[in-house]
N, C-alpha and C. Protein backbone atom coordinates (compact mmCIF):
# COMPACT_ATOMS: atom_id res chain seq x y z
N MET A 1 -5.99 3.29 -22.83
CA MET A 1 -6.24 1.86 -22.89
C MET A 1 -5.47 1.28 -24.08
N ASP A 2 -4.96 0.08 -23.93
CA ASP A 2 -4.20 -0.51 -25.03
C ASP A 2 -5.05 -1.51 -25.81
N ASN A 3 -4.50 -2.01 -26.89
CA ASN A 3 -5.23 -2.94 -27.76
C ASN A 3 -5.61 -4.21 -27.03
N TYR A 4 -4.72 -4.70 -26.17
CA TYR A 4 -5.01 -5.92 -25.41
C TYR A 4 -6.26 -5.71 -24.54
N GLU A 5 -6.29 -4.60 -23.84
CA GLU A 5 -7.43 -4.31 -22.96
C GLU A 5 -8.71 -4.14 -23.77
N ASP A 6 -8.62 -3.50 -24.91
CA ASP A 6 -9.79 -3.37 -25.79
C ASP A 6 -10.31 -4.74 -26.20
N LEU A 7 -9.41 -5.63 -26.57
CA LEU A 7 -9.79 -6.99 -26.97
C LEU A 7 -10.44 -7.72 -25.81
N GLU A 8 -9.82 -7.64 -24.64
CA GLU A 8 -10.37 -8.33 -23.47
C GLU A 8 -11.77 -7.82 -23.12
N ARG A 9 -11.96 -6.52 -23.22
CA ARG A 9 -13.28 -5.96 -22.91
C ARG A 9 -14.32 -6.38 -23.94
N SER A 10 -13.89 -6.54 -25.19
CA SER A 10 -14.85 -6.97 -26.21
C SER A 10 -15.23 -8.44 -25.99
N LEU A 11 -14.32 -9.23 -25.45
CA LEU A 11 -14.60 -10.64 -25.19
C LEU A 11 -15.38 -10.86 -23.90
N ASP A 12 -15.19 -9.97 -22.93
CA ASP A 12 -15.85 -10.11 -21.63
C ASP A 12 -16.57 -8.80 -21.30
N PRO A 13 -17.86 -8.77 -21.52
CA PRO A 13 -18.61 -7.52 -21.28
C PRO A 13 -18.62 -7.11 -19.80
N HIS A 14 -18.28 -8.00 -18.89
CA HIS A 14 -18.28 -7.69 -17.46
C HIS A 14 -16.89 -7.31 -16.95
N ARG A 15 -15.92 -7.23 -17.84
CA ARG A 15 -14.53 -6.97 -17.44
C ARG A 15 -14.39 -5.66 -16.66
N ALA A 16 -15.01 -4.61 -17.13
CA ALA A 16 -14.89 -3.31 -16.45
C ALA A 16 -15.48 -3.40 -15.04
N GLN A 17 -16.59 -4.08 -14.89
CA GLN A 17 -17.20 -4.24 -13.56
C GLN A 17 -16.28 -5.05 -12.64
N GLU A 18 -15.69 -6.10 -13.19
CA GLU A 18 -14.78 -6.94 -12.40
C GLU A 18 -13.55 -6.14 -11.97
N GLN A 19 -13.02 -5.33 -12.88
CA GLN A 19 -11.86 -4.51 -12.55
C GLN A 19 -12.21 -3.47 -11.50
N ASP A 20 -13.38 -2.87 -11.62
CA ASP A 20 -13.82 -1.89 -10.63
C ASP A 20 -13.98 -2.54 -9.26
N ALA A 21 -14.55 -3.74 -9.24
CA ALA A 21 -14.73 -4.46 -7.98
C ALA A 21 -13.38 -4.81 -7.35
N ALA A 22 -12.43 -5.23 -8.18
CA ALA A 22 -11.09 -5.57 -7.67
C ALA A 22 -10.40 -4.32 -7.13
N ALA A 23 -10.51 -3.21 -7.83
CA ALA A 23 -9.91 -1.95 -7.37
C ALA A 23 -10.55 -1.51 -6.05
N ALA A 24 -11.86 -1.67 -5.93
CA ALA A 24 -12.54 -1.30 -4.69
C ALA A 24 -12.07 -2.17 -3.54
N GLU A 25 -11.84 -3.44 -3.80
CA GLU A 25 -11.37 -4.36 -2.76
C GLU A 25 -9.96 -4.00 -2.32
N VAL A 26 -9.08 -3.68 -3.25
CA VAL A 26 -7.72 -3.27 -2.92
C VAL A 26 -7.75 -1.95 -2.15
N GLY A 27 -8.58 -1.02 -2.58
CA GLY A 27 -8.72 0.24 -1.87
C GLY A 27 -9.20 0.03 -0.43
N ALA A 28 -10.13 -0.89 -0.24
CA ALA A 28 -10.63 -1.19 1.10
C ALA A 28 -9.52 -1.79 1.97
N ARG A 29 -8.70 -2.66 1.38
CA ARG A 29 -7.59 -3.25 2.14
C ARG A 29 -6.59 -2.19 2.57
N LEU A 30 -6.35 -1.21 1.70
CA LEU A 30 -5.44 -0.11 2.05
C LEU A 30 -6.04 0.76 3.15
N ARG A 31 -7.31 1.11 3.00
CA ARG A 31 -7.97 1.94 4.02
C ARG A 31 -7.98 1.24 5.38
N GLN A 32 -8.16 -0.08 5.36
CA GLN A 32 -8.16 -0.87 6.58
C GLN A 32 -6.82 -0.72 7.32
N ARG A 33 -5.76 -0.50 6.58
CA ARG A 33 -4.43 -0.30 7.17
C ARG A 33 -4.17 1.17 7.52
N GLY A 34 -5.15 2.03 7.28
CA GLY A 34 -5.00 3.44 7.58
C GLY A 34 -4.37 4.25 6.46
N ILE A 35 -4.23 3.65 5.27
CA ILE A 35 -3.64 4.33 4.12
C ILE A 35 -4.70 5.20 3.45
N ALA A 36 -4.37 6.45 3.23
CA ALA A 36 -5.30 7.37 2.56
C ALA A 36 -5.39 7.02 1.08
N VAL A 37 -6.60 6.78 0.62
CA VAL A 37 -6.87 6.49 -0.79
C VAL A 37 -7.93 7.49 -1.24
N THR A 38 -7.65 8.16 -2.35
CA THR A 38 -8.55 9.23 -2.79
C THR A 38 -9.72 8.73 -3.64
N GLY A 39 -9.53 7.59 -4.29
CA GLY A 39 -10.54 7.11 -5.23
C GLY A 39 -10.21 7.50 -6.66
N ALA A 40 -9.23 8.38 -6.82
CA ALA A 40 -8.82 8.82 -8.16
C ALA A 40 -7.64 7.99 -8.68
N GLU A 41 -7.12 7.09 -7.86
CA GLU A 41 -5.98 6.28 -8.28
C GLU A 41 -6.37 5.28 -9.36
N ARG A 42 -5.45 5.03 -10.24
CA ARG A 42 -5.67 3.98 -11.25
C ARG A 42 -5.58 2.62 -10.57
N PRO A 43 -6.33 1.63 -11.05
CA PRO A 43 -6.29 0.30 -10.43
C PRO A 43 -4.86 -0.26 -10.33
N ASP A 44 -4.05 -0.09 -11.37
CA ASP A 44 -2.67 -0.60 -11.32
C ASP A 44 -1.87 0.09 -10.22
N ASP A 45 -2.10 1.38 -10.03
CA ASP A 45 -1.40 2.11 -8.97
C ASP A 45 -1.83 1.62 -7.58
N LEU A 46 -3.11 1.31 -7.43
CA LEU A 46 -3.58 0.77 -6.15
C LEU A 46 -2.90 -0.55 -5.83
N VAL A 47 -2.78 -1.40 -6.83
CA VAL A 47 -2.12 -2.69 -6.63
C VAL A 47 -0.65 -2.48 -6.26
N ASP A 48 0.02 -1.57 -6.94
CA ASP A 48 1.42 -1.28 -6.63
C ASP A 48 1.56 -0.69 -5.23
N LEU A 49 0.61 0.14 -4.83
CA LEU A 49 0.64 0.73 -3.49
C LEU A 49 0.46 -0.35 -2.44
N LEU A 50 -0.50 -1.25 -2.64
CA LEU A 50 -0.70 -2.34 -1.70
C LEU A 50 0.56 -3.20 -1.61
N SER A 51 1.20 -3.47 -2.73
CA SER A 51 2.44 -4.26 -2.73
C SER A 51 3.53 -3.56 -1.93
N ALA A 52 3.66 -2.25 -2.09
CA ALA A 52 4.67 -1.48 -1.34
C ALA A 52 4.39 -1.55 0.16
N VAL A 53 3.12 -1.41 0.53
CA VAL A 53 2.75 -1.49 1.95
C VAL A 53 3.05 -2.88 2.49
N GLU A 54 2.74 -3.91 1.73
CA GLU A 54 3.00 -5.28 2.17
C GLU A 54 4.50 -5.55 2.30
N ARG A 55 5.32 -4.98 1.41
CA ARG A 55 6.78 -5.13 1.53
C ARG A 55 7.27 -4.45 2.81
N PHE A 56 6.72 -3.26 3.09
CA PHE A 56 7.08 -2.54 4.31
C PHE A 56 6.70 -3.38 5.53
N GLU A 57 5.49 -3.90 5.54
CA GLU A 57 5.02 -4.71 6.67
C GLU A 57 5.89 -5.96 6.87
N ALA A 58 6.29 -6.58 5.78
CA ALA A 58 7.16 -7.76 5.89
C ALA A 58 8.51 -7.38 6.50
N ALA A 59 9.03 -6.23 6.12
CA ALA A 59 10.30 -5.76 6.68
C ALA A 59 10.15 -5.46 8.16
N VAL A 60 9.03 -4.86 8.54
CA VAL A 60 8.76 -4.57 9.96
C VAL A 60 8.75 -5.88 10.75
N GLU A 61 8.02 -6.86 10.27
CA GLU A 61 7.94 -8.15 10.96
C GLU A 61 9.30 -8.82 11.03
N ALA A 62 10.08 -8.72 9.97
CA ALA A 62 11.43 -9.32 9.95
C ALA A 62 12.35 -8.68 10.98
N HIS A 63 12.05 -7.42 11.33
CA HIS A 63 12.86 -6.71 12.32
C HIS A 63 12.27 -6.81 13.73
N GLY A 64 11.24 -7.60 13.89
CA GLY A 64 10.66 -7.80 15.22
C GLY A 64 9.56 -6.82 15.58
N GLY A 65 9.11 -6.02 14.62
CA GLY A 65 8.03 -5.07 14.89
C GLY A 65 6.69 -5.77 15.00
N ASP A 66 5.77 -5.11 15.64
CA ASP A 66 4.43 -5.65 15.85
C ASP A 66 3.44 -4.77 15.08
N LEU A 67 2.87 -5.30 14.02
CA LEU A 67 1.97 -4.53 13.17
C LEU A 67 0.67 -4.14 13.87
N MET A 68 0.35 -4.82 14.96
CA MET A 68 -0.86 -4.44 15.71
C MET A 68 -0.62 -3.16 16.51
N VAL A 69 0.63 -2.91 16.88
CA VAL A 69 0.97 -1.73 17.68
C VAL A 69 1.59 -0.65 16.81
N ASP A 70 2.46 -1.06 15.91
CA ASP A 70 3.16 -0.12 15.02
C ASP A 70 2.30 0.12 13.79
N ASP A 71 1.27 0.92 13.96
CA ASP A 71 0.22 1.08 12.97
C ASP A 71 -0.09 2.56 12.82
N LEU A 72 -0.53 2.98 11.65
CA LEU A 72 -0.89 4.39 11.43
C LEU A 72 -1.98 4.88 12.39
N ARG A 73 -2.84 4.00 12.81
CA ARG A 73 -3.94 4.39 13.69
C ARG A 73 -3.54 4.40 15.17
N SER A 74 -2.34 3.92 15.48
CA SER A 74 -1.89 3.85 16.86
C SER A 74 -1.38 5.20 17.34
N SER A 75 -1.82 5.60 18.51
CA SER A 75 -1.35 6.87 19.07
C SER A 75 0.01 6.70 19.75
N GLN A 76 0.37 5.48 20.08
CA GLN A 76 1.64 5.21 20.77
C GLN A 76 2.32 3.97 20.19
N PRO A 77 2.88 4.06 18.97
CA PRO A 77 3.57 2.90 18.42
C PRO A 77 4.83 2.59 19.24
N ASP A 78 5.22 1.31 19.26
CA ASP A 78 6.45 0.91 19.96
C ASP A 78 7.65 1.60 19.34
N ASP A 79 7.66 1.69 18.01
CA ASP A 79 8.80 2.28 17.30
C ASP A 79 8.26 2.99 16.06
N PRO A 80 8.37 4.30 15.99
CA PRO A 80 7.84 5.04 14.84
C PRO A 80 8.46 4.62 13.51
N HIS A 81 9.66 4.03 13.53
CA HIS A 81 10.28 3.54 12.29
C HIS A 81 9.47 2.40 11.68
N TYR A 82 8.69 1.72 12.52
CA TYR A 82 7.92 0.57 12.07
C TYR A 82 6.51 0.93 11.61
N VAL A 83 6.21 2.22 11.57
CA VAL A 83 4.90 2.68 11.10
C VAL A 83 5.06 3.14 9.66
N VAL A 84 4.23 2.61 8.79
CA VAL A 84 4.28 3.00 7.37
C VAL A 84 4.11 4.52 7.28
N PRO A 85 4.86 5.17 6.41
CA PRO A 85 4.70 6.63 6.30
C PRO A 85 3.27 7.02 5.96
N ARG A 86 2.84 8.12 6.52
CA ARG A 86 1.49 8.64 6.25
C ARG A 86 1.52 9.36 4.89
N ARG A 87 0.50 9.18 4.12
CA ARG A 87 0.41 9.84 2.81
C ARG A 87 0.12 11.33 3.01
N ALA A 88 0.91 12.15 2.36
CA ALA A 88 0.73 13.60 2.46
C ALA A 88 -0.49 14.02 1.63
N LEU A 89 -1.14 15.05 2.07
CA LEU A 89 -2.29 15.58 1.35
C LEU A 89 -1.88 15.96 -0.07
N GLY A 90 -2.58 15.44 -1.04
CA GLY A 90 -2.29 15.74 -2.44
C GLY A 90 -1.11 14.97 -3.02
N GLU A 91 -0.50 14.09 -2.25
CA GLU A 91 0.66 13.33 -2.73
C GLU A 91 0.22 12.30 -3.77
N GLY A 92 0.91 12.28 -4.87
CA GLY A 92 0.62 11.31 -5.93
C GLY A 92 0.96 9.90 -5.49
N THR A 93 0.29 8.95 -6.11
CA THR A 93 0.49 7.55 -5.72
C THR A 93 1.92 7.10 -5.93
N ARG A 94 2.51 7.43 -7.08
CA ARG A 94 3.89 7.02 -7.37
C ARG A 94 4.88 7.61 -6.36
N ALA A 95 4.69 8.87 -6.01
CA ALA A 95 5.57 9.52 -5.03
C ALA A 95 5.42 8.86 -3.66
N TYR A 96 4.21 8.51 -3.31
CA TYR A 96 3.95 7.85 -2.03
C TYR A 96 4.59 6.46 -2.00
N ILE A 97 4.44 5.72 -3.08
CA ILE A 97 5.08 4.40 -3.17
C ILE A 97 6.59 4.54 -3.00
N ALA A 98 7.18 5.55 -3.63
CA ALA A 98 8.63 5.76 -3.52
C ALA A 98 9.02 6.04 -2.07
N ARG A 99 8.21 6.81 -1.35
CA ARG A 99 8.52 7.08 0.07
C ARG A 99 8.39 5.83 0.92
N ILE A 100 7.40 5.00 0.63
CA ILE A 100 7.24 3.74 1.38
C ILE A 100 8.43 2.84 1.09
N ASP A 101 8.84 2.74 -0.18
CA ASP A 101 10.00 1.92 -0.53
C ASP A 101 11.27 2.43 0.14
N ALA A 102 11.42 3.76 0.23
CA ALA A 102 12.59 4.33 0.91
C ALA A 102 12.55 3.99 2.40
N ALA A 103 11.37 4.04 3.01
CA ALA A 103 11.24 3.68 4.42
C ALA A 103 11.54 2.20 4.63
N THR A 104 11.13 1.38 3.68
CA THR A 104 11.43 -0.06 3.76
C THR A 104 12.93 -0.28 3.71
N ALA A 105 13.60 0.40 2.78
CA ALA A 105 15.06 0.28 2.69
C ALA A 105 15.72 0.81 3.96
N GLY A 106 15.16 1.87 4.54
CA GLY A 106 15.71 2.43 5.77
C GLY A 106 15.64 1.48 6.95
N LEU A 107 14.69 0.56 6.93
CA LEU A 107 14.58 -0.41 8.02
C LEU A 107 15.80 -1.33 8.07
N ARG A 108 16.47 -1.50 6.95
CA ARG A 108 17.69 -2.33 6.94
C ARG A 108 18.78 -1.72 7.81
N ARG A 109 18.76 -0.39 7.94
CA ARG A 109 19.76 0.30 8.76
C ARG A 109 19.30 0.48 10.21
N HIS A 110 18.03 0.23 10.45
CA HIS A 110 17.47 0.41 11.80
C HIS A 110 17.77 -0.84 12.63
N PRO A 111 18.16 -0.65 13.90
CA PRO A 111 18.45 -1.83 14.74
C PRO A 111 17.23 -2.74 14.88
N ARG A 112 17.50 -4.01 14.82
CA ARG A 112 16.43 -5.01 14.97
C ARG A 112 15.93 -5.00 16.40
N ARG A 113 14.63 -5.11 16.55
CA ARG A 113 14.01 -5.15 17.87
C ARG A 113 14.30 -6.51 18.50
N PRO A 114 14.74 -6.54 19.75
CA PRO A 114 15.03 -7.83 20.39
C PRO A 114 13.76 -8.67 20.53
N ASP A 115 13.91 -9.97 20.39
CA ASP A 115 12.76 -10.87 20.51
C ASP A 115 12.32 -11.04 21.95
């Protein structure tokens, strides 16, 4: 923890509870998308992971993908390139974010789905 965070916690006795609640909400949003979350992730890493997933989803939509069909929970996605990579067992958050970012960049080379 840094000095800024120590100061903020001394000024707001509920800060830790608020941060825990925010982290739980971000974790729930990730789980809703089928992203494996262990509960051991740092709150900042959860936010970065959600941002990476949202960037991937925006790229999918820009290429004509359908997030309702091209989903981790779908047994038959229209295009597997449009499904966010599945988190490997024991994979660290930073490594997973890097794989999602690589998949997002790879969509630029993937043919756009016709409208």
